[in-house]
Amino acid sequence: MGRPGIRFLRISSPRWEPPASPGFDGGCYPGYWDRAISDWPDLYYGDGFARWIDVKNQYDPENFFRFQRSIPTDVKA
């Protein structure tokens, strides 16, 4: 699928999604990396993001285990 197809899906996909279930908090699944999500730390980890950075620094201070949306070692996500 080329760029026009991806653009079409991004524009029209909200119409294909069913209404949110009762109790849905608006978060997202961290195992799915969506480049369109700009506020991913808040959506993936919520209020606990700062705590996860502390844990990351305790167990992986050199940031060996990382990927584009992994927990960073500082708050500049």
C-alpha atoms as a PDB file:
ATOM      1  CA  MET A   1       0.000   0.000   0.000  1.00  0.00           C
ATOM      2  CA  GLY A   2       1.450   3.337  -1.011  1.00  0.00           C
ATOM      3  CA  ARG A   3       1.216   6.712   0.668  1.00  0.00           C
ATOM      4  CA  PRO A   4      -2.219   7.550  -0.801  1.00  0.00           C
ATOM      5  CA  GLY A   5      -3.606   4.344   0.698  1.00  0.00           C
ATOM      6  CA  ILE A   6      -2.096   5.051   4.106  1.00  0.00           C
ATOM      7  CA  ARG A   7      -3.403   8.616   4.010  1.00  0.00           C
ATOM      8  CA  PHE A   8      -6.885   7.321   3.186  1.00  0.00           C
ATOM      9  CA  LEU A   9      -6.780   4.893   6.124  1.00  0.00           C
ATOM     10  CA  ARG A  10      -5.639   7.581   8.556  1.00  0.00           C
ATOM     11  CA  ILE A  11      -8.397   9.930   7.448  1.00  0.00           C
ATOM     12  CA  SER A  12     -11.187   7.379   7.374  1.00  0.00           C
ATOM     13  CA  SER A  13     -10.256   4.903  10.120  1.00  0.00           C
ATOM     14  CA  PRO A  14     -12.103   6.711  12.936  1.00  0.00           C
ATOM     15  CA  ARG A  15     -15.320   5.973  11.041  1.00  0.00           C
ATOM     16  CA  TRP A  16     -14.516   2.245  11.093  1.00  0.00           C
ATOM     17  CA  GLU A  17     -13.873   1.977  14.814  1.00  0.00           C
ATOM     18  CA  PRO A  18     -16.748   0.873  17.044  1.00  0.00           C
ATOM     19  CA  PRO A  19     -17.781   3.145  19.908  1.00  0.00           C
ATOM     20  CA  ALA A  20     -15.593   2.814  22.982  1.00  0.00           C
ATOM     21  CA  SER A  21     -16.625   0.252  25.554  1.00  0.00           C
ATOM     22  CA  PRO A  22     -17.938   1.412  28.914  1.00  0.00           C
ATOM     23  CA  GLY A  23     -14.961   2.075  31.168  1.00  0.00           C
ATOM     24  CA  PHE A  24     -12.572   2.771  28.285  1.00  0.00           C
ATOM     25  CA  ASP A  25     -10.130   5.394  29.519  1.00  0.00           C
ATOM     26  CA  GLY A  26      -8.823   6.589  26.150  1.00  0.00           C
ATOM     27  CA  GLY A  27      -5.429   4.923  26.588  1.00  0.00           C
ATOM     28  CA  CYS A  28      -3.745   2.711  24.041  1.00  0.00           C
ATOM     29  CA  TYR A  29      -1.854  -0.563  23.832  1.00  0.00           C
ATOM     30  CA  PRO A  30       1.908  -0.051  24.258  1.00  0.00           C
ATOM     31  CA  GLY A  31       2.758  -3.140  22.191  1.00  0.00           C
ATOM     32  CA  TYR A  32       1.396  -1.403  19.092  1.00  0.00           C
ATOM     33  CA  TRP A  33       3.644   1.368  17.846  1.00  0.00           C
ATOM     34  CA  ASP A  34       1.565   4.008  16.073  1.00  0.00           C
ATOM     35  CA  ARG A  35       3.661   6.847  14.651  1.00  0.00           C
ATOM     36  CA  ALA A  36       0.615   9.124  14.703  1.00  0.00           C
ATOM     37  CA  ILE A  37       0.544   9.133  18.511  1.00  0.00           C
ATOM     38  CA  SER A  38       2.549  12.139  19.663  1.00  0.00           C
ATOM     39  CA  ASP A  39       1.740  11.968  23.385  1.00  0.00           C
ATOM     40  CA  TRP A  40       2.608   8.283  23.740  1.00  0.00           C
ATOM     41  CA  PRO A  41       4.140   8.496  27.254  1.00  0.00           C
ATOM     42  CA  ASP A  42       0.869   9.801  28.642  1.00  0.00           C
ATOM     43  CA  LEU A  43      -1.292   7.365  26.688  1.00  0.00           C
ATOM     44  CA  TYR A  44       0.876   4.304  27.328  1.00  0.00           C
ATOM     45  CA  TYR A  45       1.869   4.922  30.944  1.00  0.00           C
ATOM     46  CA  GLY A  46      -0.338   7.707  32.304  1.00  0.00           C
ATOM     47  CA  ASP A  47       0.585   9.165  35.675  1.00  0.00           C
ATOM     48  CA  GLY A  48       3.060   6.342  36.280  1.00  0.00           C
ATOM     49  CA  PHE A  49       5.508   7.398  33.567  1.00  0.00           C
ATOM     50  CA  ALA A  50       7.925   9.157  35.951  1.00  0.00           C
ATOM     51  CA  ARG A  51       7.960   6.078  38.181  1.00  0.00           C
ATOM     52  CA  TRP A  52       8.759   3.840  35.190  1.00  0.00           C
ATOM     53  CA  ILE A  53      11.705   6.112  34.355  1.00  0.00           C
ATOM     54  CA  ASP A  54      12.980   5.576  37.909  1.00  0.00           C
ATOM     55  CA  VAL A  55      12.660   1.811  37.482  1.00  0.00           C
ATOM     56  CA  LYS A  56      14.368   1.969  34.097  1.00  0.00           C
ATOM     57  CA  ASN A  57      17.301   3.871  35.600  1.00  0.00           C
ATOM     58  CA  GLN A  58      17.575   1.385  38.447  1.00  0.00           C
ATOM     59  CA  TYR A  59      17.649  -1.745  36.253  1.00  0.00           C
ATOM     60  CA  ASP A  60      18.886  -0.480  32.877  1.00  0.00           C
ATOM     61  CA  PRO A  61      20.861   2.751  33.456  1.00  0.00           C
ATOM     62  CA  GLU A  62      22.775   2.341  30.170  1.00  0.00           C
ATOM     63  CA  ASN A  63      19.486   2.056  28.226  1.00  0.00           C
ATOM     64  CA  PHE A  64      20.555  -1.242  26.652  1.00  0.00           C
ATOM     65  CA  PHE A  65      16.951  -2.409  26.226  1.00  0.00           C
ATOM     66  CA  ARG A  66      15.432   0.251  24.011  1.00  0.00           C
ATOM     67  CA  PHE A  67      13.300   0.851  20.962  1.00  0.00           C
ATOM     68  CA  GLN A  68      11.450   3.853  19.535  1.00  0.00           C
ATOM     69  CA  ARG A  69       8.774   3.880  22.238  1.00  0.00           C
ATOM     70  CA  SER A  70      10.548   2.260  25.161  1.00  0.00           C
ATOM     71  CA  ILE A  71      10.782   3.964  28.513  1.00  0.00           C
ATOM     72  CA  PRO A  72      13.656   6.461  28.331  1.00  0.00           C
ATOM     73  CA  THR A  73      16.223   7.146  31.014  1.00  0.00           C
ATOM     74  CA  ASP A  74      15.130  10.779  31.352  1.00  0.00           C
ATOM     75  CA  VAL A  75      11.907  12.752  30.949  1.00  0.00           C
ATOM     76  CA  LYS A  76      12.739  14.002  27.436  1.00  0.00           C
ATOM     77  CA  ALA A  77      10.567  11.346  25.740  1.00  0.00           C
END
